[in-house]
Amino acid sequence: MTEEMTEKYWSRFQATFDENQEYVVGKELLDEVKENIKRLSDLGEVLELGCGTGNFTQVIAQNADHVFATDLSDELLTNAKKAAQ
């Protein structure tokens, strides 16, 4: 699969990414992961691969000096940037 095809594939989920994630993983488990991340301290510099819409990125950023979050989809990254503002 080419890079362009991969980006196109993931971008088609940008409008429903969080909803799909809740359906597949479960809201309770996602909330538990966020709570566990909140308990971490002094994370320093963090690289997040596959940040999606930034759901975990925002929580990580609370205890990190810097977060570099990336994703295969430009549209998901745009959503993550909007959520961070």
PDB file of N, CA and C in Angstrom:
ATOM      1  N   MET A   1       0.848  -1.170   0.000  1.00  0.00           N
ATOM      2  CA  MET A   1       0.000   0.000   0.000  1.00  0.00           C
ATOM      3  C   MET A   1       0.895   1.235   0.000  1.00  0.00           C
ATOM      4  N   THR A   2       0.633   2.163  -0.883  1.00  0.00           N
ATOM      5  CA  THR A   2       1.455   3.369  -0.969  1.00  0.00           C
ATOM      6  C   THR A   2       1.122   4.306   0.188  1.00  0.00           C
ATOM      7  N   GLU A   3       2.016   5.252   0.415  1.00  0.00           N
ATOM      8  CA  GLU A   3       1.808   6.241   1.477  1.00  0.00           C
ATOM      9  C   GLU A   3       0.516   7.029   1.244  1.00  0.00           C
ATOM     10  N   GLU A   4       0.264   7.378  -0.006  1.00  0.00           N
ATOM     11  CA  GLU A   4      -0.948   8.127  -0.346  1.00  0.00           C
ATOM     12  C   GLU A   4      -2.203   7.304  -0.057  1.00  0.00           C
ATOM     13  N   MET A   5      -2.164   6.030  -0.378  1.00  0.00           N
ATOM     14  CA  MET A   5      -3.314   5.159  -0.121  1.00  0.00           C
ATOM     15  C   MET A   5      -3.551   4.998   1.377  1.00  0.00           C
ATOM     16  N   THR A   6      -2.473   4.876   2.137  1.00  0.00           N
ATOM     17  CA  THR A   6      -2.583   4.737   3.587  1.00  0.00           C
ATOM     18  C   THR A   6      -3.197   5.991   4.193  1.00  0.00           C
ATOM     19  N   GLU A   7      -2.723   7.145   3.762  1.00  0.00           N
ATOM     20  CA  GLU A   7      -3.256   8.411   4.274  1.00  0.00           C
ATOM     21  C   GLU A   7      -4.737   8.541   3.924  1.00  0.00           C
ATOM     22  N   LYS A   8      -5.076   8.200   2.705  1.00  0.00           N
ATOM     23  CA  LYS A   8      -6.465   8.282   2.248  1.00  0.00           C
ATOM     24  C   LYS A   8      -7.357   7.335   3.056  1.00  0.00           C
ATOM     25  N   TYR A   9      -6.862   6.139   3.333  1.00  0.00           N
ATOM     26  CA  TYR A   9      -7.618   5.153   4.101  1.00  0.00           C
ATOM     27  C   TYR A   9      -7.970   5.702   5.482  1.00  0.00           C
ATOM     28  N   TRP A  10      -6.972   6.182   6.217  1.00  0.00           N
ATOM     29  CA  TRP A  10      -7.215   6.658   7.578  1.00  0.00           C
ATOM     30  C   TRP A  10      -7.997   7.965   7.599  1.00  0.00           C
ATOM     31  N   SER A  11      -7.825   8.784   6.601  1.00  0.00           N
ATOM     32  CA  SER A  11      -8.533  10.068   6.558  1.00  0.00           C
ATOM     33  C   SER A  11     -10.038   9.894   6.430  1.00  0.00           C
ATOM     34  N   ARG A  12     -10.471   8.797   5.852  1.00  0.00           N
ATOM     35  CA  ARG A  12     -11.912   8.610   5.689  1.00  0.00           C
ATOM     36  C   ARG A  12     -12.631   8.412   7.019  1.00  0.00           C
ATOM     37  N   PHE A  13     -11.886   8.167   8.089  1.00  0.00           N
ATOM     38  CA  PHE A  13     -12.480   7.983   9.406  1.00  0.00           C
ATOM     39  C   PHE A  13     -12.465   9.246  10.261  1.00  0.00           C
ATOM     40  N   GLN A  14     -11.956  10.335   9.725  1.00  0.00           N
ATOM     41  CA  GLN A  14     -11.722  11.518  10.561  1.00  0.00           C
ATOM     42  C   GLN A  14     -12.978  12.045  11.230  1.00  0.00           C
ATOM     43  N   ALA A  15     -14.127  11.964  10.593  1.00  0.00           N
ATOM     44  CA  ALA A  15     -15.363  12.505  11.176  1.00  0.00           C
ATOM     45  C   ALA A  15     -15.911  11.631  12.303  1.00  0.00           C
ATOM     46  N   THR A  16     -15.600  10.343  12.279  1.00  0.00           N
ATOM     47  CA  THR A  16     -16.176   9.424  13.271  1.00  0.00           C
ATOM     48  C   THR A  16     -15.113   8.669  14.065  1.00  0.00           C
ATOM     49  N   PHE A  17     -13.886   9.142  14.030  1.00  0.00           N
ATOM     50  CA  PHE A  17     -12.766   8.412  14.644  1.00  0.00           C
ATOM     51  C   PHE A  17     -13.007   8.138  16.124  1.00  0.00           C
ATOM     52  N   ASP A  18     -13.343   9.164  16.899  1.00  0.00           N
ATOM     53  CA  ASP A  18     -13.531   8.985  18.340  1.00  0.00           C
ATOM     54  C   ASP A  18     -14.721   8.072  18.634  1.00  0.00           C
ATOM     55  N   GLU A  19     -15.785   8.249  17.905  1.00  0.00           N
ATOM     56  CA  GLU A  19     -16.966   7.397  18.072  1.00  0.00           C
ATOM     57  C   GLU A  19     -16.631   5.936  17.758  1.00  0.00           C
ATOM     58  N   ASN A  20     -15.892   5.720  16.687  1.00  0.00           N
ATOM     59  CA  ASN A  20     -15.483   4.360  16.321  1.00  0.00           C
ATOM     60  C   ASN A  20     -14.567   3.750  17.375  1.00  0.00           C
ATOM     61  N   GLN A  21     -13.681   4.554  17.906  1.00  0.00           N
ATOM     62  CA  GLN A  21     -12.755   4.081  18.926  1.00  0.00           C
ATOM     63  C   GLN A  21     -13.521   3.666  20.184  1.00  0.00           C
ATOM     64  N   GLU A  22     -14.513   4.456  20.570  1.00  0.00           N
ATOM     65  CA  GLU A  22     -15.338   4.102  21.723  1.00  0.00           C
ATOM     66  C   GLU A  22     -16.093   2.800  21.470  1.00  0.00           C
ATOM     67  N   TYR A  23     -16.583   2.628  20.261  1.00  0.00           N
ATOM     68  CA  TYR A  23     -17.328   1.419  19.917  1.00  0.00           C
ATOM     69  C   TYR A  23     -16.437   0.175  19.969  1.00  0.00           C
ATOM     70  N   VAL A  24     -15.244   0.281  19.400  1.00  0.00           N
ATOM     71  CA  VAL A  24     -14.347  -0.871  19.309  1.00  0.00           C
ATOM     72  C   VAL A  24     -13.677  -1.168  20.652  1.00  0.00           C
ATOM     73  N   VAL A  25     -13.148  -0.140  21.291  1.00  0.00           N
ATOM     74  CA  VAL A  25     -12.375  -0.329  22.519  1.00  0.00           C
ATOM     75  C   VAL A  25     -13.264  -0.259  23.756  1.00  0.00           C
ATOM     76  N   GLY A  26     -14.226   0.627  23.722  1.00  0.00           N
ATOM     77  CA  GLY A  26     -15.108   0.838  24.872  1.00  0.00           C
ATOM     78  C   GLY A  26     -14.760   2.123  25.594  1.00  0.00           C
ATOM     79  N   LYS A  27     -15.757   2.928  25.884  1.00  0.00           N
ATOM     80  CA  LYS A  27     -15.546   4.213  26.555  1.00  0.00           C
ATOM     81  C   LYS A  27     -14.900   4.026  27.924  1.00  0.00           C
ATOM     82  N   GLU A  28     -15.339   3.000  28.654  1.00  0.00           N
ATOM     83  CA  GLU A  28     -14.793   2.772  29.996  1.00  0.00           C
ATOM     84  C   GLU A  28     -13.297   2.495  29.961  1.00  0.00           C
ATOM     85  N   LEU A  29     -12.854   1.692  29.010  1.00  0.00           N
ATOM     86  CA  LEU A  29     -11.427   1.390  28.903  1.00  0.00           C
ATOM     87  C   LEU A  29     -10.644   2.619  28.460  1.00  0.00           C
ATOM     88  N   LEU A  30     -11.176   3.388  27.518  1.00  0.00           N
ATOM     89  CA  LEU A  30     -10.506   4.614  27.085  1.00  0.00           C
ATOM     90  C   LEU A  30     -10.377   5.590  28.249  1.00  0.00           C
ATOM     91  N   ASP A  31     -11.433   5.725  29.042  1.00  0.00           N
ATOM     92  CA  ASP A  31     -11.381   6.604  30.217  1.00  0.00           C
ATOM     93  C   ASP A  31     -10.370   6.098  31.242  1.00  0.00           C
ATOM     94  N   GLU A  32     -10.279   4.783  31.415  1.00  0.00           N
ATOM     95  CA  GLU A  32      -9.312   4.205  32.346  1.00  0.00           C
ATOM     96  C   GLU A  32      -7.878   4.499  31.890  1.00  0.00           C
ATOM     97  N   VAL A  33      -7.636   4.381  30.592  1.00  0.00           N
ATOM     98  CA  VAL A  33      -6.302   4.685  30.055  1.00  0.00           C
ATOM     99  C   VAL A  33      -5.967   6.152  30.315  1.00  0.00           C
ATOM    100  N   LYS A  34      -6.933   7.041  30.079  1.00  0.00           N
ATOM    101  CA  LYS A  34      -6.694   8.469  30.335  1.00  0.00           C
ATOM    102  C   LYS A  34      -6.371   8.715  31.801  1.00  0.00           C
ATOM    103  N   GLU A  35      -7.090   8.064  32.700  1.00  0.00           N
ATOM    104  CA  GLU A  35      -6.828   8.229  34.131  1.00  0.00           C
ATOM    105  C   GLU A  35      -5.427   7.732  34.485  1.00  0.00           C
ATOM    106  N   ASN A  36      -5.015   6.631  33.891  1.00  0.00           N
ATOM    107  CA  ASN A  36      -3.657   6.119  34.135  1.00  0.00           C
ATOM    108  C   ASN A  36      -2.597   7.072  33.601  1.00  0.00           C
ATOM    109  N   ILE A  37      -2.858   7.656  32.449  1.00  0.00           N
ATOM    110  CA  ILE A  37      -1.915   8.632  31.886  1.00  0.00           C
ATOM    111  C   ILE A  37      -1.825   9.851  32.795  1.00  0.00           C
ATOM    112  N   LYS A  38      -2.952  10.295  33.337  1.00  0.00           N
ATOM    113  CA  LYS A  38      -2.966  11.463  34.230  1.00  0.00           C
ATOM    114  C   LYS A  38      -2.092  11.252  35.458  1.00  0.00           C
ATOM    115  N   ARG A  39      -1.973  10.022  35.907  1.00  0.00           N
ATOM    116  CA  ARG A  39      -1.177   9.721  37.101  1.00  0.00           C
ATOM    117  C   ARG A  39       0.331   9.768  36.841  1.00  0.00           C
ATOM    118  N   LEU A  40       0.726   9.753  35.576  1.00  0.00           N
ATOM    119  CA  LEU A  40       2.145   9.832  35.240  1.00  0.00           C
ATOM    120  C   LEU A  40       2.622  11.262  35.442  1.00  0.00           C
ATOM    121  N   SER A  41       3.849  11.407  35.857  1.00  0.00           N
ATOM    122  CA  SER A  41       4.364  12.763  36.071  1.00  0.00           C
ATOM    123  C   SER A  41       5.734  12.918  35.420  1.00  0.00           C
ATOM    124  N   ASP A  42       6.062  14.173  35.166  1.00  0.00           N
ATOM    125  CA  ASP A  42       7.376  14.510  34.605  1.00  0.00           C
ATOM    126  C   ASP A  42       7.733  13.638  33.402  1.00  0.00           C
ATOM    127  N   LEU A  43       6.895  13.661  32.395  1.00  0.00           N
ATOM    128  CA  LEU A  43       7.100  12.831  31.217  1.00  0.00           C
ATOM    129  C   LEU A  43       8.191  13.349  30.294  1.00  0.00           C
ATOM    130  N   GLY A  44       8.574  14.610  30.480  1.00  0.00           N
ATOM    131  CA  GLY A  44       9.622  15.167  29.625  1.00  0.00           C
ATOM    132  C   GLY A  44       9.124  15.369  28.211  1.00  0.00           C
ATOM    133  N   GLU A  45       9.884  14.897  27.240  1.00  0.00           N
ATOM    134  CA  GLU A  45       9.497  14.996  25.840  1.00  0.00           C
ATOM    135  C   GLU A  45       8.889  13.665  25.409  1.00  0.00           C
ATOM    136  N   VAL A  46       7.725  13.740  24.765  1.00  0.00           N
ATOM    137  CA  VAL A  46       6.988  12.530  24.395  1.00  0.00           C
ATOM    138  C   VAL A  46       6.749  12.509  22.885  1.00  0.00           C
ATOM    139  N   LEU A  47       6.944  11.352  22.297  1.00  0.00           N
ATOM    140  CA  LEU A  47       6.609  11.110  20.900  1.00  0.00           C
ATOM    141  C   LEU A  47       5.395  10.202  20.893  1.00  0.00           C
ATOM    142  N   GLU A  48       4.300  10.670  20.330  1.00  0.00           N
ATOM    143  CA  GLU A  48       3.093   9.859  20.221  1.00  0.00           C
ATOM    144  C   GLU A  48       2.879   9.491  18.755  1.00  0.00           C
ATOM    145  N   LEU A  49       2.938   8.224  18.468  1.00  0.00           N
ATOM    146  CA  LEU A  49       2.735   7.730  17.110  1.00  0.00           C
ATOM    147  C   LEU A  49       1.286   7.277  16.965  1.00  0.00           C
ATOM    148  N   GLY A  50       0.620   7.743  15.929  1.00  0.00           N
ATOM    149  CA  GLY A  50      -0.771   7.370  15.716  1.00  0.00           C
ATOM    150  C   GLY A  50      -1.696   8.080  16.682  1.00  0.00           C
ATOM    151  N   CYS A  51      -1.598   9.392  16.753  1.00  0.00           N
ATOM    152  CA  CYS A  51      -2.357  10.166  17.747  1.00  0.00           C
ATOM    153  C   CYS A  51      -3.838  10.289  17.414  1.00  0.00           C
ATOM    154  N   GLY A  52      -4.207   9.965  16.192  1.00  0.00           N
ATOM    155  CA  GLY A  52      -5.620  10.097  15.829  1.00  0.00           C
ATOM    156  C   GLY A  52      -6.089  11.531  15.985  1.00  0.00           C
ATOM    157  N   THR A  53      -7.170  11.723  16.720  1.00  0.00           N
ATOM    158  CA  THR A  53      -7.723  13.063  16.930  1.00  0.00           C
ATOM    159  C   THR A  53      -7.136  13.752  18.148  1.00  0.00           C
ATOM    160  N   GLY A  54      -6.135  13.142  18.761  1.00  0.00           N
ATOM    161  CA  GLY A  54      -5.477  13.765  19.907  1.00  0.00           C
ATOM    162  C   GLY A  54      -6.138  13.462  21.242  1.00  0.00           C
ATOM    163  N   ASN A  55      -6.954  12.440  21.263  1.00  0.00           N
ATOM    164  CA  ASN A  55      -7.678  12.065  22.470  1.00  0.00           C
ATOM    165  C   ASN A  55      -6.745  11.855  23.664  1.00  0.00           C
ATOM    166  N   PHE A  56      -5.658  11.121  23.468  1.00  0.00           N
ATOM    167  CA  PHE A  56      -4.683  10.902  24.539  1.00  0.00           C
ATOM    168  C   PHE A  56      -3.638  12.014  24.577  1.00  0.00           C
ATOM    169  N   THR A  57      -3.415  12.664  23.462  1.00  0.00           N
ATOM    170  CA  THR A  57      -2.402  13.715  23.370  1.00  0.00           C
ATOM    171  C   THR A  57      -2.646  14.811  24.387  1.00  0.00           C
ATOM    172  N   GLN A  58      -3.891  15.220  24.511  1.00  0.00           N
ATOM    173  CA  GLN A  58      -4.238  16.294  25.442  1.00  0.00           C
ATOM    174  C   GLN A  58      -3.936  15.904  26.887  1.00  0.00           C
ATOM    175  N   VAL A  59      -4.168  14.651  27.222  1.00  0.00           N
ATOM    176  CA  VAL A  59      -3.905  14.173  28.582  1.00  0.00           C
ATOM    177  C   VAL A  59      -2.397  14.073  28.811  1.00  0.00           C
ATOM    178  N   ILE A  60      -1.676  13.552  27.830  1.00  0.00           N
ATOM    179  CA  ILE A  60      -0.222  13.440  27.930  1.00  0.00           C
ATOM    180  C   ILE A  60       0.405  14.818  28.122  1.00  0.00           C
ATOM    181  N   ALA A  61      -0.088  15.800  27.381  1.00  0.00           N
ATOM    182  CA  ALA A  61       0.482  17.150  27.412  1.00  0.00           C
ATOM    183  C   ALA A  61       0.405  17.797  28.790  1.00  0.00           C
ATOM    184  N   GLN A  62      -0.515  17.361  29.623  1.00  0.00           N
ATOM    185  CA  GLN A  62      -0.658  17.933  30.969  1.00  0.00           C
ATOM    186  C   GLN A  62       0.583  17.692  31.826  1.00  0.00           C
ATOM    187  N   ASN A  63       1.305  16.605  31.547  1.00  0.00           N
ATOM    188  CA  ASN A  63       2.476  16.262  32.362  1.00  0.00           C
ATOM    189  C   ASN A  63       3.764  16.124  31.560  1.00  0.00           C
ATOM    190  N   ALA A  64       3.764  16.691  30.368  1.00  0.00           N
ATOM    191  CA  ALA A  64       4.954  16.605  29.524  1.00  0.00           C
ATOM    192  C   ALA A  64       5.492  17.999  29.230  1.00  0.00           C
ATOM    193  N   ASP A  65       6.786  18.071  29.018  1.00  0.00           N
ATOM    194  CA  ASP A  65       7.402  19.338  28.619  1.00  0.00           C
ATOM    195  C   ASP A  65       7.048  19.653  27.170  1.00  0.00           C
ATOM    196  N   HIS A  66       6.996  18.610  26.360  1.00  0.00           N
ATOM    197  CA  HIS A  66       6.699  18.771  24.947  1.00  0.00           C
ATOM    198  C   HIS A  66       6.145  17.456  24.415  1.00  0.00           C
ATOM    199  N   VAL A  67       5.123  17.540  23.564  1.00  0.00           N
ATOM    200  CA  VAL A  67       4.570  16.351  22.914  1.00  0.00           C
ATOM    201  C   VAL A  67       4.664  16.543  21.411  1.00  0.00           C
ATOM    202  N   PHE A  68       5.280  15.586  20.749  1.00  0.00           N
ATOM    203  CA  PHE A  68       5.303  15.556  19.302  1.00  0.00           C
ATOM    204  C   PHE A  68       4.382  14.417  18.900  1.00  0.00           C
ATOM    205  N   ALA A  69       3.189  14.769  18.398  1.00  0.00           N
ATOM    206  CA  ALA A  69       2.190  13.776  18.024  1.00  0.00           C
ATOM    207  C   ALA A  69       2.083  13.723  16.512  1.00  0.00           C
ATOM    208  N   THR A  70       2.009  12.529  15.982  1.00  0.00           N
ATOM    209  CA  THR A  70       1.938  12.354  14.541  1.00  0.00           C
ATOM    210  C   THR A  70       0.923  11.272  14.195  1.00  0.00           C
ATOM    211  N   ASP A  71       0.448  11.308  12.977  1.00  0.00           N
ATOM    212  CA  ASP A  71      -0.506  10.319  12.499  1.00  0.00           C
ATOM    213  C   ASP A  71      -0.340  10.165  10.998  1.00  0.00           C
ATOM    214  N   LEU A  72      -0.836   9.076  10.464  1.00  0.00           N
ATOM    215  CA  LEU A  72      -0.764   8.842   9.022  1.00  0.00           C
ATOM    216  C   LEU A  72      -1.744   9.708   8.244  1.00  0.00           C
ATOM    217  N   SER A  73      -2.753  10.244   8.919  1.00  0.00           N
ATOM    218  CA  SER A  73      -3.793  11.027   8.271  1.00  0.00           C
ATOM    219  C   SER A  73      -3.648  12.513   8.575  1.00  0.00           C
ATOM    220  N   ASP A  74      -3.533  13.312   7.538  1.00  0.00           N
ATOM    221  CA  ASP A  74      -3.476  14.764   7.726  1.00  0.00           C
ATOM    222  C   ASP A  74      -4.764  15.283   8.338  1.00  0.00           C
ATOM    223  N   GLU A  75      -5.909  14.691   7.968  1.00  0.00           N
ATOM    224  CA  GLU A  75      -7.191  15.133   8.508  1.00  0.00           C
ATOM    225  C   GLU A  75      -7.295  14.849  10.000  1.00  0.00           C
ATOM    226  N   LEU A  76      -6.817  13.685  10.436  1.00  0.00           N
ATOM    227  CA  LEU A  76      -6.820  13.384  11.866  1.00  0.00           C
ATOM    228  C   LEU A  76      -5.900  14.336  12.617  1.00  0.00           C
ATOM    229  N   LEU A  77      -4.755  14.658  12.031  1.00  0.00           N
ATOM    230  CA  LEU A  77      -3.848  15.611  12.660  1.00  0.00           C
ATOM    231  C   LEU A  77      -4.501  16.995  12.777  1.00  0.00           C
ATOM    232  N   THR A  78      -5.229  17.397  11.759  1.00  0.00           N
ATOM    233  CA  THR A  78      -5.936  18.668  11.814  1.00  0.00           C
ATOM    234  C   THR A  78      -6.940  18.676  12.956  1.00  0.00           C
ATOM    235  N   ASN A  79      -7.664  17.575  13.124  1.00  0.00           N
ATOM    236  CA  ASN A  79      -8.610  17.468  14.238  1.00  0.00           C
ATOM    237  C   ASN A  79      -7.880  17.515  15.577  1.00  0.00           C
ATOM    238  N   ALA A  80      -6.738  16.874  15.662  1.00  0.00           N
ATOM    239  CA  ALA A  80      -5.956  16.871  16.904  1.00  0.00           C
ATOM    240  C   ALA A  80      -5.470  18.290  17.232  1.00  0.00           C
ATOM    241  N   LYS A  81      -5.028  19.015  16.233  1.00  0.00           N
ATOM    242  CA  LYS A  81      -4.579  20.401  16.445  1.00  0.00           C
ATOM    243  C   LYS A  81      -5.719  21.281  16.926  1.00  0.00           C
ATOM    244  N   LYS A  82      -6.901  21.122  16.330  1.00  0.00           N
ATOM    245  CA  LYS A  82      -8.063  21.897  16.751  1.00  0.00           C
ATOM    246  C   LYS A  82      -8.431  21.587  18.187  1.00  0.00           C
ATOM    247  N   ALA A  83      -8.378  20.325  18.554  1.00  0.00           N
ATOM    248  CA  ALA A  83      -8.729  19.907  19.917  1.00  0.00           C
ATOM    249  C   ALA A  83      -7.742  20.452  20.944  1.00  0.00           C
ATOM    250  N   ALA A  84      -6.497  20.652  20.525  1.00  0.00           N
ATOM    251  CA  ALA A  84      -5.463  21.133  21.444  1.00  0.00           C
ATOM    252  C   ALA A  84      -5.556  22.624  21.714  1.00  0.00           C
ATOM    253  N   GLN A  85      -6.296  23.334  20.897  1.00  0.00           N
ATOM    254  CA  GLN A  85      -6.371  24.804  21.051  1.00  0.00           C
ATOM    255  C   GLN A  85      -7.357  25.220  22.099  1.00  0.00           C
TER     256      GLN A  85
END
